């Protein structure tokens, strides 16, 4: 799979390149959603940003582990995302100070939410399905 190529309009791209490119686009989309006043409802901004964060984590892990099947990768990414969310229940002066920075808020978040666990699972699951379909395997999630 590391050498697997995705062909679109005659152009061959490796899975790693596609995942890295999509992760950059996801980061840009997430930053715009969170930081630019678009006039959309707060819930879409908040949970949309959380969903995009989960998609970004999936894509970065897919780039780092290109041989792992989407279903297995999704399980790893969900465990990681939930661990990050659960870490919000841990408070120390250093962690709380970092969470108050823009980088801390974007990477780790500030406040624990059960809803984030659901959002992460849905976003990662849908991303894994898209990954499976786009890679042409289409059967590893069955």
C-alpha atoms as a PDB file:
ATOM      1  CA  UNK A   1       0.000   0.000   0.000  1.00  0.00           C
ATOM      2  CA  UNK A   2       2.926   2.399   0.534  1.00  0.00           C
ATOM      3  CA  UNK A   3       3.552   2.193  -3.180  1.00  0.00           C
ATOM      4  CA  UNK A   4      -0.146   2.158  -3.972  1.00  0.00           C
ATOM      5  CA  UNK A   5      -1.093   4.865  -6.428  1.00  0.00           C
ATOM      6  CA  UNK A   6      -4.340   6.724  -6.737  1.00  0.00           C
ATOM      7  CA  UNK A   7      -5.080   7.690 -10.337  1.00  0.00           C
ATOM      8  CA  UNK A   8      -7.216  10.707 -11.123  1.00  0.00           C
ATOM      9  CA  UNK A   9      -7.317  12.251 -14.607  1.00  0.00           C
ATOM     10  CA  UNK A  10      -4.156  10.420 -15.610  1.00  0.00           C
ATOM     11  CA  UNK A  11      -2.139  11.738 -12.652  1.00  0.00           C
ATOM     12  CA  UNK A  12      -0.601   9.221 -10.286  1.00  0.00           C
ATOM     13  CA  UNK A  13      -0.336  10.227  -6.638  1.00  0.00           C
ATOM     14  CA  UNK A  14       0.872   8.140  -3.732  1.00  0.00           C
ATOM     15  CA  UNK A  15      -1.398   7.554  -0.753  1.00  0.00           C
ATOM     16  CA  UNK A  16       1.073   9.414   1.455  1.00  0.00           C
ATOM     17  CA  UNK A  17       1.052  12.494  -0.800  1.00  0.00           C
ATOM     18  CA  UNK A  18      -2.726  12.491  -1.032  1.00  0.00           C
ATOM     19  CA  UNK A  19      -3.145  12.180   2.732  1.00  0.00           C
ATOM     20  CA  UNK A  20      -0.619  14.941   3.445  1.00  0.00           C
ATOM     21  CA  UNK A  21      -2.218  17.254   0.888  1.00  0.00           C
ATOM     22  CA  UNK A  22      -5.686  16.600   2.252  1.00  0.00           C
ATOM     23  CA  UNK A  23      -4.478  17.149   5.818  1.00  0.00           C
ATOM     24  CA  UNK A  24      -3.129  20.582   4.858  1.00  0.00           C
ATOM     25  CA  UNK A  25      -6.464  21.430   3.209  1.00  0.00           C
ATOM     26  CA  UNK A  26      -8.288  20.179   6.305  1.00  0.00           C
ATOM     27  CA  UNK A  27      -6.154  22.341   8.608  1.00  0.00           C
ATOM     28  CA  UNK A  28      -6.798  25.410   6.465  1.00  0.00           C
ATOM     29  CA  UNK A  29     -10.530  24.688   6.396  1.00  0.00           C
ATOM     30  CA  UNK A  30     -10.592  24.176  10.166  1.00  0.00           C
ATOM     31  CA  UNK A  31      -8.684  27.395  10.847  1.00  0.00           C
ATOM     32  CA  UNK A  32     -11.023  29.361   8.603  1.00  0.00           C
ATOM     33  CA  UNK A  33     -14.044  27.773  10.272  1.00  0.00           C
ATOM     34  CA  UNK A  34     -12.748  28.541  13.775  1.00  0.00           C
ATOM     35  CA  UNK A  35     -11.028  31.896  13.296  1.00  0.00           C
ATOM     36  CA  UNK A  36     -12.818  33.743  10.491  1.00  0.00           C
ATOM     37  CA  UNK A  37     -16.209  35.268  11.374  1.00  0.00           C
ATOM     38  CA  UNK A  38     -18.360  33.557   8.758  1.00  0.00           C
ATOM     39  CA  UNK A  39     -21.693  34.250  10.428  1.00  0.00           C
ATOM     40  CA  UNK A  40     -22.579  30.579  10.768  1.00  0.00           C
ATOM     41  CA  UNK A  41     -24.119  29.102  13.934  1.00  0.00           C
ATOM     42  CA  UNK A  42     -21.769  28.484  16.856  1.00  0.00           C
ATOM     43  CA  UNK A  43     -22.622  24.772  17.018  1.00  0.00           C
ATOM     44  CA  UNK A  44     -21.479  24.277  13.421  1.00  0.00           C
ATOM     45  CA  UNK A  45     -18.274  26.176  14.109  1.00  0.00           C
ATOM     46  CA  UNK A  46     -17.571  24.257  17.318  1.00  0.00           C
ATOM     47  CA  UNK A  47     -18.460  20.750  16.239  1.00  0.00           C
ATOM     48  CA  UNK A  48     -17.399  21.260  12.626  1.00  0.00           C
ATOM     49  CA  UNK A  49     -13.967  22.248  13.893  1.00  0.00           C
ATOM     50  CA  UNK A  50     -13.894  19.149  16.096  1.00  0.00           C
ATOM     51  CA  UNK A  51     -14.869  16.931  13.169  1.00  0.00           C
ATOM     52  CA  UNK A  52     -12.174  18.496  10.988  1.00  0.00           C
ATOM     53  CA  UNK A  53      -9.605  17.978  13.768  1.00  0.00           C
ATOM     54  CA  UNK A  54     -10.499  14.267  13.803  1.00  0.00           C
ATOM     55  CA  UNK A  55     -10.253  14.076   9.995  1.00  0.00           C
ATOM     56  CA  UNK A  56      -6.829  15.753  10.157  1.00  0.00           C
ATOM     57  CA  UNK A  57      -5.604  13.240  12.742  1.00  0.00           C
ATOM     58  CA  UNK A  58      -6.835  10.355  10.558  1.00  0.00           C
ATOM     59  CA  UNK A  59      -5.113  11.752   7.468  1.00  0.00           C
ATOM     60  CA  UNK A  60      -1.809  12.374   9.259  1.00  0.00           C
ATOM     61  CA  UNK A  61      -1.840   8.873  10.745  1.00  0.00           C
ATOM     62  CA  UNK A  62      -2.756   7.422   7.333  1.00  0.00           C
ATOM     63  CA  UNK A  63       0.255   9.210   5.844  1.00  0.00           C
ATOM     64  CA  UNK A  64       2.448   7.865   8.634  1.00  0.00           C
ATOM     65  CA  UNK A  65       1.048   4.329   8.438  1.00  0.00           C
ATOM     66  CA  UNK A  66       0.157   3.863   4.758  1.00  0.00           C
ATOM     67  CA  UNK A  67       0.060   0.057   4.938  1.00  0.00           C
ATOM     68  CA  UNK A  68      -2.622  -0.052   7.634  1.00  0.00           C
ATOM     69  CA  UNK A  69      -6.134  -0.797   6.372  1.00  0.00           C
ATOM     70  CA  UNK A  70      -8.687   1.989   6.917  1.00  0.00           C
ATOM     71  CA  UNK A  71     -10.776  -0.023   9.406  1.00  0.00           C
ATOM     72  CA  UNK A  72      -7.758  -0.748  11.583  1.00  0.00           C
ATOM     73  CA  UNK A  73      -6.444   2.782  11.210  1.00  0.00           C
ATOM     74  CA  UNK A  74      -9.838   4.166  12.239  1.00  0.00           C
ATOM     75  CA  UNK A  75      -9.713   2.151  15.459  1.00  0.00           C
ATOM     76  CA  UNK A  76      -6.254   3.546  16.278  1.00  0.00           C
ATOM     77  CA  UNK A  77      -7.304   7.108  15.453  1.00  0.00           C
ATOM     78  CA  UNK A  78     -10.514   6.882  17.501  1.00  0.00           C
ATOM     79  CA  UNK A  79      -8.511   5.611  20.482  1.00  0.00           C
ATOM     80  CA  UNK A  80      -6.049   8.491  20.093  1.00  0.00           C
ATOM     81  CA  UNK A  81      -8.785  11.130  19.674  1.00  0.00           C
ATOM     82  CA  UNK A  82     -10.697   9.841  22.670  1.00  0.00           C
ATOM     83  CA  UNK A  83      -7.493   9.793  24.740  1.00  0.00           C
ATOM     84  CA  UNK A  84      -6.902  13.445  23.841  1.00  0.00           C
ATOM     85  CA  UNK A  85     -10.497  14.265  24.788  1.00  0.00           C
ATOM     86  CA  UNK A  86     -10.244  12.371  28.067  1.00  0.00           C
ATOM     87  CA  UNK A  87      -6.976  14.178  28.832  1.00  0.00           C
ATOM     88  CA  UNK A  88      -9.082  17.320  29.215  1.00  0.00           C
ATOM     89  CA  UNK A  89     -10.280  15.866  32.499  1.00  0.00           C
ATOM     90  CA  UNK A  90      -6.686  16.075  33.784  1.00  0.00           C
ATOM     91  CA  UNK A  91      -5.669  19.464  35.113  1.00  0.00           C
ATOM     92  CA  UNK A  92      -2.232  20.727  35.992  1.00  0.00           C
ATOM     93  CA  UNK A  93      -0.931  24.294  35.897  1.00  0.00           C
ATOM     94  CA  UNK A  94       1.248  23.567  32.847  1.00  0.00           C
ATOM     95  CA  UNK A  95      -1.473  21.782  30.869  1.00  0.00           C
ATOM     96  CA  UNK A  96      -4.072  24.400  31.738  1.00  0.00           C
ATOM     97  CA  UNK A  97      -1.687  27.204  30.708  1.00  0.00           C
ATOM     98  CA  UNK A  98      -1.009  25.455  27.380  1.00  0.00           C
ATOM     99  CA  UNK A  99      -4.735  24.911  26.764  1.00  0.00           C
ATOM    100  CA  UNK A 100      -5.246  28.682  27.095  1.00  0.00           C
ATOM    101  CA  UNK A 101      -2.935  29.337  24.126  1.00  0.00           C
ATOM    102  CA  UNK A 102      -4.232  29.214  20.549  1.00  0.00           C
ATOM    103  CA  UNK A 103      -2.060  26.186  19.787  1.00  0.00           C
ATOM    104  CA  UNK A 104      -3.265  24.423  22.939  1.00  0.00           C
ATOM    105  CA  UNK A 105      -6.902  25.157  22.176  1.00  0.00           C
ATOM    106  CA  UNK A 106      -6.576  23.920  18.574  1.00  0.00           C
ATOM    107  CA  UNK A 107      -4.499  20.828  19.365  1.00  0.00           C
ATOM    108  CA  UNK A 108      -5.911  19.670  22.704  1.00  0.00           C
ATOM    109  CA  UNK A 109      -9.047  21.701  23.265  1.00  0.00           C
ATOM    110  CA  UNK A 110      -9.999  23.311  26.522  1.00  0.00           C
ATOM    111  CA  UNK A 111     -13.064  21.617  27.970  1.00  0.00           C
ATOM    112  CA  UNK A 112     -14.142  17.970  28.015  1.00  0.00           C
ATOM    113  CA  UNK A 113     -17.351  17.145  26.138  1.00  0.00           C
ATOM    114  CA  UNK A 114     -19.072  13.805  25.675  1.00  0.00           C
ATOM    115  CA  UNK A 115     -20.324  15.155  22.348  1.00  0.00           C
ATOM    116  CA  UNK A 116     -16.744  15.337  21.075  1.00  0.00           C
ATOM    117  CA  UNK A 117     -16.379  11.581  21.515  1.00  0.00           C
ATOM    118  CA  UNK A 118     -19.386  11.088  19.240  1.00  0.00           C
ATOM    119  CA  UNK A 119     -18.223  13.701  16.704  1.00  0.00           C
ATOM    120  CA  UNK A 120     -14.725  12.179  16.566  1.00  0.00           C
ATOM    121  CA  UNK A 121     -16.106   8.673  16.043  1.00  0.00           C
ATOM    122  CA  UNK A 122     -18.436   9.780  13.249  1.00  0.00           C
ATOM    123  CA  UNK A 123     -15.840  11.924  11.473  1.00  0.00           C
ATOM    124  CA  UNK A 124     -13.166   9.241  11.675  1.00  0.00           C
ATOM    125  CA  UNK A 125     -15.572   6.525  10.561  1.00  0.00           C
ATOM    126  CA  UNK A 126     -16.722   8.530   7.534  1.00  0.00           C
ATOM    127  CA  UNK A 127     -13.120   9.397   6.664  1.00  0.00           C
ATOM    128  CA  UNK A 128     -12.134   5.717   6.844  1.00  0.00           C
ATOM    129  CA  UNK A 129     -15.008   4.801   4.530  1.00  0.00           C
ATOM    130  CA  UNK A 130     -13.961   7.523   2.060  1.00  0.00           C
ATOM    131  CA  UNK A 131     -10.345   6.334   2.306  1.00  0.00           C
ATOM    132  CA  UNK A 132     -11.407   2.774   1.602  1.00  0.00           C
ATOM    133  CA  UNK A 133     -13.539   3.760  -1.390  1.00  0.00           C
ATOM    134  CA  UNK A 134     -10.987   6.202  -2.859  1.00  0.00           C
ATOM    135  CA  UNK A 135      -8.156   3.715  -2.551  1.00  0.00           C
ATOM    136  CA  UNK A 136     -10.142   1.229  -4.599  1.00  0.00           C
ATOM    137  CA  UNK A 137     -10.180  -1.429  -1.919  1.00  0.00           C
ATOM    138  CA  UNK A 138     -13.807  -0.906  -0.986  1.00  0.00           C
ATOM    139  CA  UNK A 139     -14.101  -4.200   0.867  1.00  0.00           C
ATOM    140  CA  UNK A 140     -11.821  -3.851   3.905  1.00  0.00           C
ATOM    141  CA  UNK A 141     -14.561  -2.204   5.994  1.00  0.00           C
ATOM    142  CA  UNK A 142     -17.027  -5.059   5.403  1.00  0.00           C
END
